[in-house]
Amino acid sequence: MQNNQIITNIVRFIVLMLIQVIVLNHINFIGYVNPYAYLIFILLFPFDASKTLLIFLSFLLGLSIDLFSDSGGVHAAACVLVGFLRPGILKFSFGVSYQYNAIKLNKVTFKERLLYITLMVIIHHFVLFSLEIFSPSHIVLILKSTLFSGIFSMLLILCILLLFKTKEN
């Protein structure tokens, strides 16, 4: 990673964490719809950077959200899993382009971008709500929370990515 990428990622980490804990954690539609925009950090982390660094930073991001939300580690677990699965999801979403490190998120087709974001968000939310609710008897609530919060989070993430479109992501 270059110096400007490091600074950009540090700022992105801090800003997304603060937006999540100050604003978005207080949004709760219909009792189970809550947006999680902090996933943008994991989505936009440089594709050619160290996978170990991504998993570590994913853990720190999730742990930070957990500390401010008093949620007992569920965000950290969901973030670590998504950070770990990201290379496979990238390969599935972008195919050969990922193998040659030729991906620029704003230059791929909308379908590929939407598939990548959808897979990351749905996996994150399913793990998050499964650990938060932690009861197989409440599978309908887990799926409903995953679906509706996932849709809301994907729309929010897509809007943020469109608003802050840069040449590097």
N, C-alpha and C. Protein backbone atom coordinates (compact mmCIF):
# COMPACT_ATOMS: atom_id res chain seq x y z
N MET A 1 0.83 -1.18 0.00
CA MET A 1 0.00 0.00 0.00
C MET A 1 0.87 1.24 0.00
N GLN A 2 0.42 2.25 -0.70
CA GLN A 2 1.13 3.51 -0.76
C GLN A 2 0.69 4.39 0.41
N ASN A 3 1.47 5.45 0.66
CA ASN A 3 1.17 6.33 1.79
C ASN A 3 -0.21 6.97 1.69
N ASN A 4 -0.61 7.40 0.49
CA ASN A 4 -1.93 8.03 0.37
C ASN A 4 -3.04 7.01 0.60
N GLN A 5 -2.82 5.74 0.25
CA GLN A 5 -3.82 4.70 0.53
C GLN A 5 -3.93 4.45 2.03
N ILE A 6 -2.81 4.50 2.73
CA ILE A 6 -2.81 4.29 4.17
C ILE A 6 -3.60 5.39 4.86
N ILE A 7 -3.32 6.62 4.49
CA ILE A 7 -4.03 7.76 5.09
C ILE A 7 -5.52 7.70 4.77
N THR A 8 -5.85 7.39 3.51
CA THR A 8 -7.25 7.28 3.11
C THR A 8 -7.96 6.21 3.92
N ASN A 9 -7.33 5.07 4.12
CA ASN A 9 -7.96 3.99 4.87
C ASN A 9 -8.08 4.30 6.36
N ILE A 10 -7.13 5.01 6.93
CA ILE A 10 -7.23 5.42 8.33
C ILE A 10 -8.40 6.38 8.51
N VAL A 11 -8.50 7.35 7.63
CA VAL A 11 -9.61 8.32 7.70
C VAL A 11 -10.94 7.61 7.48
N ARG A 12 -11.00 6.72 6.49
CA ARG A 12 -12.23 5.97 6.21
C ARG A 12 -12.64 5.14 7.42
N PHE A 13 -11.68 4.47 8.06
CA PHE A 13 -11.94 3.65 9.24
C PHE A 13 -12.58 4.49 10.34
N ILE A 14 -11.96 5.61 10.66
CA ILE A 14 -12.42 6.46 11.76
C ILE A 14 -13.77 7.09 11.45
N VAL A 15 -13.93 7.63 10.24
CA VAL A 15 -15.17 8.29 9.88
C VAL A 15 -16.34 7.31 9.86
N LEU A 16 -16.15 6.14 9.25
CA LEU A 16 -17.23 5.15 9.19
C LEU A 16 -17.59 4.63 10.57
N MET A 17 -16.60 4.43 11.42
CA MET A 17 -16.88 3.96 12.77
C MET A 17 -17.68 5.02 13.54
N LEU A 18 -17.28 6.28 13.42
CA LEU A 18 -17.99 7.34 14.12
C LEU A 18 -19.40 7.54 13.59
N ILE A 19 -19.58 7.50 12.28
CA ILE A 19 -20.93 7.62 11.71
C ILE A 19 -21.81 6.48 12.20
N GLN A 20 -21.25 5.28 12.26
CA GLN A 20 -22.04 4.13 12.71
C GLN A 20 -22.48 4.29 14.16
N VAL A 21 -21.55 4.63 15.04
CA VAL A 21 -21.90 4.66 16.47
C VAL A 21 -22.66 5.92 16.87
N ILE A 22 -22.43 7.03 16.19
CA ILE A 22 -23.10 8.27 16.56
C ILE A 22 -24.47 8.40 15.90
N VAL A 23 -24.59 8.00 14.64
CA VAL A 23 -25.83 8.22 13.91
C VAL A 23 -26.59 6.92 13.64
N LEU A 24 -25.95 5.99 12.95
CA LEU A 24 -26.68 4.85 12.41
C LEU A 24 -27.13 3.83 13.47
N ASN A 25 -26.43 3.72 14.57
CA ASN A 25 -26.87 2.80 15.62
C ASN A 25 -28.17 3.24 16.29
N HIS A 26 -28.54 4.49 16.10
CA HIS A 26 -29.76 5.01 16.70
C HIS A 26 -30.95 4.96 15.74
N ILE A 27 -30.73 4.44 14.55
CA ILE A 27 -31.81 4.27 13.58
C ILE A 27 -32.33 2.84 13.75
N ASN A 28 -33.62 2.71 13.98
CA ASN A 28 -34.19 1.38 14.17
C ASN A 28 -35.62 1.39 13.65
N PHE A 29 -35.79 1.07 12.38
CA PHE A 29 -37.12 1.04 11.78
C PHE A 29 -37.83 -0.27 12.11
N ILE A 30 -39.05 -0.20 12.48
CA ILE A 30 -39.94 -1.34 12.69
C ILE A 30 -39.35 -2.37 13.67
N GLY A 31 -38.41 -1.97 14.47
CA GLY A 31 -37.86 -2.86 15.48
C GLY A 31 -36.72 -3.75 15.04
N TYR A 32 -36.52 -3.96 13.74
CA TYR A 32 -35.43 -4.86 13.34
C TYR A 32 -34.69 -4.41 12.09
N VAL A 33 -34.89 -3.20 11.65
CA VAL A 33 -34.16 -2.69 10.48
C VAL A 33 -33.17 -1.64 10.95
N ASN A 34 -31.89 -1.99 10.85
CA ASN A 34 -30.81 -1.11 11.29
C ASN A 34 -29.72 -1.13 10.23
N PRO A 35 -29.32 0.03 9.70
CA PRO A 35 -28.28 0.06 8.66
C PRO A 35 -26.87 -0.07 9.25
N TYR A 36 -26.02 -0.75 8.52
CA TYR A 36 -24.62 -0.91 8.93
C TYR A 36 -23.72 -0.48 7.77
N ALA A 37 -23.37 0.80 7.76
CA ALA A 37 -22.56 1.35 6.67
C ALA A 37 -21.07 1.14 6.88
N TYR A 38 -20.66 0.73 8.07
CA TYR A 38 -19.23 0.56 8.33
C TYR A 38 -18.60 -0.54 7.48
N LEU A 39 -19.44 -1.37 6.85
CA LEU A 39 -18.92 -2.41 5.95
C LEU A 39 -18.20 -1.82 4.74
N ILE A 40 -18.44 -0.56 4.46
CA ILE A 40 -17.76 0.09 3.33
C ILE A 40 -16.25 -0.02 3.49
N PHE A 41 -15.77 0.05 4.71
CA PHE A 41 -14.33 -0.06 4.93
C PHE A 41 -13.80 -1.39 4.41
N ILE A 42 -14.48 -2.47 4.74
CA ILE A 42 -14.04 -3.80 4.29
C ILE A 42 -14.23 -3.94 2.79
N LEU A 43 -15.32 -3.40 2.27
CA LEU A 43 -15.59 -3.48 0.83
C LEU A 43 -14.53 -2.77 0.01
N LEU A 44 -14.08 -1.61 0.48
CA LEU A 44 -13.16 -0.78 -0.30
C LEU A 44 -11.70 -0.96 0.06
N PHE A 45 -11.40 -1.78 1.04
CA PHE A 45 -10.01 -2.00 1.40
C PHE A 45 -9.25 -2.46 0.16
N PRO A 46 -8.04 -1.93 -0.07
CA PRO A 46 -7.33 -2.25 -1.32
C PRO A 46 -7.25 -3.76 -1.58
N PHE A 47 -7.58 -4.12 -2.81
CA PHE A 47 -7.65 -5.53 -3.19
C PHE A 47 -6.28 -6.20 -3.21
N ASP A 48 -5.23 -5.41 -3.38
CA ASP A 48 -3.89 -5.99 -3.45
C ASP A 48 -3.16 -5.96 -2.10
N ALA A 49 -3.83 -5.50 -1.06
CA ALA A 49 -3.21 -5.42 0.26
C ALA A 49 -3.21 -6.79 0.93
N SER A 50 -2.50 -6.88 2.02
CA SER A 50 -2.35 -8.12 2.77
C SER A 50 -3.70 -8.61 3.31
N LYS A 51 -3.97 -9.89 3.12
CA LYS A 51 -5.21 -10.48 3.64
C LYS A 51 -5.20 -10.50 5.16
N THR A 52 -4.04 -10.74 5.74
CA THR A 52 -3.90 -10.74 7.20
C THR A 52 -4.21 -9.37 7.78
N LEU A 53 -3.71 -8.33 7.12
CA LEU A 53 -3.99 -6.97 7.56
C LEU A 53 -5.48 -6.68 7.47
N LEU A 54 -6.13 -7.13 6.42
CA LEU A 54 -7.57 -6.92 6.28
C LEU A 54 -8.33 -7.60 7.41
N ILE A 55 -7.98 -8.82 7.73
CA ILE A 55 -8.68 -9.54 8.80
C ILE A 55 -8.45 -8.84 10.14
N PHE A 56 -7.22 -8.39 10.38
CA PHE A 56 -6.92 -7.68 11.63
C PHE A 56 -7.69 -6.37 11.72
N LEU A 57 -7.70 -5.60 10.64
CA LEU A 57 -8.44 -4.33 10.65
C LEU A 57 -9.94 -4.56 10.71
N SER A 58 -10.42 -5.62 10.12
CA SER A 58 -11.84 -5.97 10.23
C SER A 58 -12.20 -6.26 11.68
N PHE A 59 -11.31 -6.98 12.36
CA PHE A 59 -11.53 -7.26 13.79
C PHE A 59 -11.55 -5.96 14.59
N LEU A 60 -10.59 -5.06 14.33
CA LEU A 60 -10.55 -3.79 15.06
C LEU A 60 -11.80 -2.95 14.80
N LEU A 61 -12.26 -2.94 13.56
CA LEU A 61 -13.47 -2.19 13.23
C LEU A 61 -14.67 -2.76 13.96
N GLY A 62 -14.84 -4.07 13.89
CA GLY A 62 -15.96 -4.71 14.59
C GLY A 62 -15.87 -4.54 16.09
N LEU A 63 -14.66 -4.66 16.64
CA LEU A 63 -14.47 -4.48 18.08
C LEU A 63 -14.80 -3.05 18.50
N SER A 64 -14.42 -2.08 17.68
CA SER A 64 -14.74 -0.68 17.99
C SER A 64 -16.25 -0.46 18.02
N ILE A 65 -16.95 -1.02 17.05
CA ILE A 65 -18.41 -0.90 17.02
C ILE A 65 -19.00 -1.61 18.24
N ASP A 66 -18.46 -2.77 18.59
CA ASP A 66 -18.94 -3.51 19.75
C ASP A 66 -18.74 -2.74 21.05
N LEU A 67 -17.59 -2.10 21.18
CA LEU A 67 -17.32 -1.34 22.41
C LEU A 67 -18.29 -0.19 22.59
N PHE A 68 -18.59 0.51 21.51
CA PHE A 68 -19.52 1.64 21.60
C PHE A 68 -20.97 1.19 21.67
N SER A 69 -21.27 0.00 21.14
CA SER A 69 -22.66 -0.47 21.09
C SER A 69 -22.99 -1.43 22.22
N ASP A 70 -21.98 -1.85 22.98
CA ASP A 70 -22.16 -2.82 24.06
C ASP A 70 -22.84 -4.08 23.53
N SER A 71 -22.28 -4.63 22.44
CA SER A 71 -22.91 -5.77 21.79
C SER A 71 -22.14 -7.08 21.94
N GLY A 72 -21.14 -7.11 22.77
CA GLY A 72 -20.52 -8.37 23.15
C GLY A 72 -19.71 -9.11 22.10
N GLY A 73 -19.24 -8.46 21.06
CA GLY A 73 -18.36 -9.11 20.10
C GLY A 73 -19.02 -9.62 18.84
N VAL A 74 -20.31 -9.40 18.66
CA VAL A 74 -20.98 -9.93 17.47
C VAL A 74 -20.53 -9.21 16.20
N HIS A 75 -20.28 -7.92 16.30
CA HIS A 75 -19.81 -7.17 15.13
C HIS A 75 -18.39 -7.60 14.76
N ALA A 76 -17.56 -7.82 15.76
CA ALA A 76 -16.18 -8.26 15.49
C ALA A 76 -16.19 -9.63 14.80
N ALA A 77 -17.01 -10.54 15.26
CA ALA A 77 -17.07 -11.87 14.65
C ALA A 77 -17.57 -11.79 13.21
N ALA A 78 -18.62 -11.01 12.99
CA ALA A 78 -19.16 -10.88 11.63
C ALA A 78 -18.15 -10.21 10.69
N CYS A 79 -17.46 -9.20 11.18
CA CYS A 79 -16.46 -8.50 10.35
C CYS A 79 -15.27 -9.40 10.02
N VAL A 80 -14.81 -10.16 10.99
CA VAL A 80 -13.69 -11.06 10.75
C VAL A 80 -14.08 -12.11 9.71
N LEU A 81 -15.27 -12.66 9.81
CA LEU A 81 -15.69 -13.66 8.84
C LEU A 81 -15.79 -13.06 7.44
N VAL A 82 -16.37 -11.88 7.33
CA VAL A 82 -16.48 -11.23 6.02
C VAL A 82 -15.10 -10.88 5.47
N GLY A 83 -14.19 -10.40 6.34
CA GLY A 83 -12.83 -10.12 5.91
C GLY A 83 -12.11 -11.37 5.43
N PHE A 84 -12.36 -12.48 6.11
CA PHE A 84 -11.75 -13.75 5.73
C PHE A 84 -12.31 -14.27 4.40
N LEU A 85 -13.61 -14.12 4.20
CA LEU A 85 -14.26 -14.64 2.99
C LEU A 85 -14.13 -13.70 1.78
N ARG A 86 -13.69 -12.48 2.00
CA ARG A 86 -13.64 -11.49 0.92
C ARG A 86 -12.88 -11.94 -0.33
N PRO A 87 -11.70 -12.57 -0.23
CA PRO A 87 -11.03 -13.01 -1.47
C PRO A 87 -11.87 -13.98 -2.30
N GLY A 88 -12.55 -14.90 -1.65
CA GLY A 88 -13.41 -15.83 -2.37
C GLY A 88 -14.60 -15.14 -2.99
N ILE A 89 -15.17 -14.19 -2.28
CA ILE A 89 -16.31 -13.43 -2.80
C ILE A 89 -15.87 -12.56 -3.98
N LEU A 90 -14.68 -11.98 -3.87
CA LEU A 90 -14.14 -11.20 -4.99
C LEU A 90 -13.94 -12.07 -6.22
N LYS A 91 -13.38 -13.26 -6.01
CA LYS A 91 -13.15 -14.17 -7.14
C LYS A 91 -14.48 -14.60 -7.76
N PHE A 92 -15.49 -14.85 -6.93
CA PHE A 92 -16.79 -15.25 -7.43
C PHE A 92 -17.48 -14.09 -8.17
N SER A 93 -17.36 -12.88 -7.63
CA SER A 93 -18.05 -11.72 -8.21
C SER A 93 -17.38 -11.20 -9.47
N PHE A 94 -16.05 -11.17 -9.49
CA PHE A 94 -15.33 -10.52 -10.58
C PHE A 94 -14.56 -11.48 -11.48
N GLY A 95 -14.43 -12.73 -11.07
CA GLY A 95 -13.81 -13.74 -11.91
C GLY A 95 -12.34 -13.47 -12.19
N VAL A 96 -11.98 -13.53 -13.46
CA VAL A 96 -10.58 -13.43 -13.89
C VAL A 96 -9.98 -12.07 -13.55
N SER A 97 -10.78 -11.02 -13.55
CA SER A 97 -10.27 -9.67 -13.23
C SER A 97 -9.63 -9.63 -11.86
N TYR A 98 -10.20 -10.36 -10.90
CA TYR A 98 -9.65 -10.37 -9.54
C TYR A 98 -8.29 -11.08 -9.52
N GLN A 99 -8.17 -12.16 -10.26
CA GLN A 99 -6.92 -12.93 -10.24
C GLN A 99 -5.76 -12.11 -10.78
N TYR A 100 -6.02 -11.17 -11.66
CA TYR A 100 -4.96 -10.33 -12.23
C TYR A 100 -4.89 -8.97 -11.56
N ASN A 101 -5.57 -8.80 -10.43
CA ASN A 101 -5.60 -7.54 -9.69
C ASN A 101 -5.96 -6.35 -10.58
N ALA A 102 -6.90 -6.56 -11.47
CA ALA A 102 -7.29 -5.53 -12.41
C ALA A 102 -8.67 -4.95 -12.07
N ILE A 103 -9.05 -5.00 -10.80
CA ILE A 103 -10.38 -4.53 -10.41
C ILE A 103 -10.30 -3.10 -9.90
N LYS A 104 -11.15 -2.27 -10.43
CA LYS A 104 -11.45 -0.95 -9.89
C LYS A 104 -12.95 -0.97 -9.67
N LEU A 105 -13.39 -0.81 -8.44
CA LEU A 105 -14.79 -1.01 -8.11
C LEU A 105 -15.72 -0.09 -8.88
N ASN A 106 -15.26 1.12 -9.22
CA ASN A 106 -16.13 2.02 -9.97
C ASN A 106 -16.06 1.78 -11.48
N LYS A 107 -15.21 0.87 -11.93
CA LYS A 107 -15.09 0.58 -13.36
C LYS A 107 -15.72 -0.75 -13.76
N VAL A 108 -16.15 -1.54 -12.79
CA VAL A 108 -16.81 -2.81 -13.11
C VAL A 108 -18.29 -2.54 -13.40
N THR A 109 -18.95 -3.53 -13.96
CA THR A 109 -20.37 -3.35 -14.26
C THR A 109 -21.17 -3.24 -12.97
N PHE A 110 -22.33 -2.62 -13.06
CA PHE A 110 -23.18 -2.46 -11.89
C PHE A 110 -23.60 -3.82 -11.34
N LYS A 111 -23.82 -4.79 -12.22
CA LYS A 111 -24.22 -6.12 -11.81
C LYS A 111 -23.14 -6.77 -10.94
N GLU A 112 -21.88 -6.67 -11.36
CA GLU A 112 -20.77 -7.25 -10.59
C GLU A 112 -20.62 -6.54 -9.24
N ARG A 113 -20.71 -5.22 -9.26
CA ARG A 113 -20.60 -4.44 -8.03
C ARG A 113 -21.74 -4.79 -7.07
N LEU A 114 -22.95 -4.89 -7.60
CA LEU A 114 -24.11 -5.22 -6.76
C LEU A 114 -23.98 -6.64 -6.20
N LEU A 115 -23.50 -7.58 -6.98
CA LEU A 115 -23.30 -8.95 -6.50
C LEU A 115 -22.29 -8.98 -5.36
N TYR A 116 -21.18 -8.27 -5.53
CA TYR A 116 -20.13 -8.21 -4.50
C TYR A 116 -20.68 -7.61 -3.21
N ILE A 117 -21.34 -6.47 -3.31
CA ILE A 117 -21.87 -5.80 -2.12
C ILE A 117 -22.96 -6.65 -1.47
N THR A 118 -23.83 -7.24 -2.28
CA THR A 118 -24.91 -8.06 -1.73
C THR A 118 -24.38 -9.26 -0.96
N LEU A 119 -23.44 -9.98 -1.54
CA LEU A 119 -22.88 -11.15 -0.85
C LEU A 119 -22.21 -10.76 0.47
N MET A 120 -21.43 -9.71 0.44
CA MET A 120 -20.73 -9.27 1.65
C MET A 120 -21.74 -8.85 2.73
N VAL A 121 -22.73 -8.07 2.35
CA VAL A 121 -23.70 -7.56 3.32
C VAL A 121 -24.55 -8.69 3.89
N ILE A 122 -25.05 -9.56 3.04
CA ILE A 122 -25.93 -10.63 3.51
C ILE A 122 -25.17 -11.60 4.44
N ILE A 123 -23.96 -11.96 4.08
CA ILE A 123 -23.17 -12.84 4.96
C ILE A 123 -22.92 -12.16 6.30
N HIS A 124 -22.50 -10.89 6.25
CA HIS A 124 -22.25 -10.14 7.48
C HIS A 124 -23.49 -10.08 8.36
N HIS A 125 -24.61 -9.71 7.76
CA HIS A 125 -25.83 -9.54 8.54
C HIS A 125 -26.36 -10.87 9.09
N PHE A 126 -26.26 -11.93 8.29
CA PHE A 126 -26.73 -13.22 8.78
C PHE A 126 -25.93 -13.68 9.99
N VAL A 127 -24.61 -13.54 9.91
CA VAL A 127 -23.76 -13.92 11.05
C VAL A 127 -24.03 -13.01 12.23
N LEU A 128 -24.14 -11.72 11.99
CA LEU A 128 -24.38 -10.75 13.05
C LEU A 128 -25.68 -11.06 13.79
N PHE A 129 -26.77 -11.23 13.06
CA PHE A 129 -28.06 -11.47 13.72
C PHE A 129 -28.15 -12.88 14.30
N SER A 130 -27.48 -13.84 13.69
CA SER A 130 -27.46 -15.19 14.26
C SER A 130 -26.77 -15.20 15.62
N LEU A 131 -25.66 -14.48 15.72
CA LEU A 131 -24.95 -14.41 17.00
C LEU A 131 -25.67 -13.53 18.01
N GLU A 132 -26.31 -12.49 17.53
CA GLU A 132 -27.02 -11.58 18.42
C GLU A 132 -28.26 -12.24 19.02
N ILE A 133 -29.03 -12.91 18.20
CA ILE A 133 -30.26 -13.56 18.67
C ILE A 133 -29.94 -14.92 19.27
N PHE A 134 -29.08 -15.67 18.63
CA PHE A 134 -28.51 -16.94 19.11
C PHE A 134 -29.56 -17.93 19.58
N SER A 135 -30.56 -18.14 18.74
CA SER A 135 -31.58 -19.13 19.07
C SER A 135 -32.16 -19.68 17.78
N PRO A 136 -32.01 -20.99 17.56
CA PRO A 136 -32.56 -21.57 16.34
C PRO A 136 -34.09 -21.44 16.26
N SER A 137 -34.74 -21.28 17.39
CA SER A 137 -36.20 -21.13 17.38
C SER A 137 -36.63 -19.77 16.82
N HIS A 138 -35.71 -18.85 16.73
CA HIS A 138 -36.02 -17.52 16.18
C HIS A 138 -35.44 -17.33 14.78
N ILE A 139 -35.37 -18.39 14.00
CA ILE A 139 -34.78 -18.33 12.66
C ILE A 139 -35.54 -17.36 11.76
N VAL A 140 -36.86 -17.26 11.93
CA VAL A 140 -37.65 -16.34 11.11
C VAL A 140 -37.24 -14.90 11.41
N LEU A 141 -37.06 -14.58 12.69
CA LEU A 141 -36.61 -13.24 13.06
C LEU A 141 -35.21 -12.96 12.53
N ILE A 142 -34.32 -13.95 12.58
CA ILE A 142 -32.96 -13.79 12.05
C ILE A 142 -33.01 -13.51 10.55
N LEU A 143 -33.79 -14.30 9.82
CA LEU A 143 -33.89 -14.11 8.37
C LEU A 143 -34.56 -12.79 8.01
N LYS A 144 -35.60 -12.41 8.76
CA LYS A 144 -36.28 -11.15 8.51
C LYS A 144 -35.35 -9.97 8.78
N SER A 145 -34.63 -10.03 9.90
CA SER A 145 -33.67 -8.96 10.22
C SER A 145 -32.56 -8.89 9.18
N THR A 146 -32.06 -10.06 8.77
CA THR A 146 -31.01 -10.11 7.75
C THR A 146 -31.50 -9.50 6.44
N LEU A 147 -32.67 -9.89 6.01
CA LEU A 147 -33.20 -9.41 4.74
C LEU A 147 -33.45 -7.91 4.75
N PHE A 148 -34.21 -7.42 5.72
CA PHE A 148 -34.59 -6.02 5.71
C PHE A 148 -33.42 -5.09 6.07
N SER A 149 -32.62 -5.46 7.05
CA SER A 149 -31.44 -4.64 7.36
C SER A 149 -30.43 -4.72 6.22
N GLY A 150 -30.34 -5.89 5.58
CA GLY A 150 -29.43 -6.05 4.44
C GLY A 150 -29.82 -5.17 3.28
N ILE A 151 -31.10 -5.13 2.95
CA ILE A 151 -31.57 -4.27 1.85
C ILE A 151 -31.30 -2.81 2.18
N PHE A 152 -31.63 -2.41 3.40
CA PHE A 152 -31.41 -1.02 3.81
C PHE A 152 -29.92 -0.67 3.81
N SER A 153 -29.09 -1.59 4.31
CA SER A 153 -27.64 -1.35 4.32
C SER A 153 -27.08 -1.28 2.91
N MET A 154 -27.54 -2.17 2.01
CA MET A 154 -27.05 -2.15 0.62
C MET A 154 -27.42 -0.84 -0.07
N LEU A 155 -28.64 -0.38 0.13
CA LEU A 155 -29.05 0.89 -0.46
C LEU A 155 -28.21 2.04 0.07
N LEU A 156 -27.99 2.05 1.37
CA LEU A 156 -27.17 3.10 1.98
C LEU A 156 -25.73 3.04 1.47
N ILE A 157 -25.17 1.84 1.39
CA ILE A 157 -23.79 1.68 0.90
C ILE A 157 -23.68 2.12 -0.55
N LEU A 158 -24.63 1.71 -1.39
CA LEU A 158 -24.60 2.13 -2.80
C LEU A 158 -24.71 3.64 -2.93
N CYS A 159 -25.57 4.26 -2.14
CA CYS A 159 -25.70 5.72 -2.18
C CYS A 159 -24.41 6.41 -1.75
N ILE A 160 -23.80 5.91 -0.68
CA ILE A 160 -22.54 6.50 -0.20
C ILE A 160 -21.45 6.32 -1.24
N LEU A 161 -21.37 5.14 -1.85
CA LEU A 161 -20.34 4.91 -2.87
C LEU A 161 -20.56 5.80 -4.09
N LEU A 162 -21.81 6.06 -4.45
CA LEU A 162 -22.08 6.97 -5.57
C LEU A 162 -21.75 8.40 -5.21
N LEU A 163 -22.05 8.81 -3.99
CA LEU A 163 -21.77 10.18 -3.57
C LEU A 163 -20.27 10.47 -3.46
N PHE A 164 -19.52 9.51 -2.97
CA PHE A 164 -18.10 9.71 -2.73
C PHE A 164 -17.25 8.90 -3.71
N LYS A 165 -17.66 8.87 -4.94
CA LYS A 165 -16.96 8.12 -5.98
C LYS A 165 -15.58 8.74 -6.21
N THR A 166 -14.56 7.88 -6.14
CA THR A 166 -13.19 8.33 -6.41
C THR A 166 -12.59 7.45 -7.47
N LYS A 167 -11.47 7.86 -7.99
CA LYS A 167 -10.84 7.07 -9.04
C LYS A 167 -10.18 5.81 -8.51
N GLU A 168 -9.92 5.73 -7.20
CA GLU A 168 -9.20 4.57 -6.68
C GLU A 168 -10.09 3.42 -6.24
N ASN A 169 -11.36 3.66 -5.93
CA ASN A 169 -12.20 2.54 -5.48
C ASN A 169 -13.04 2.14 -6.59
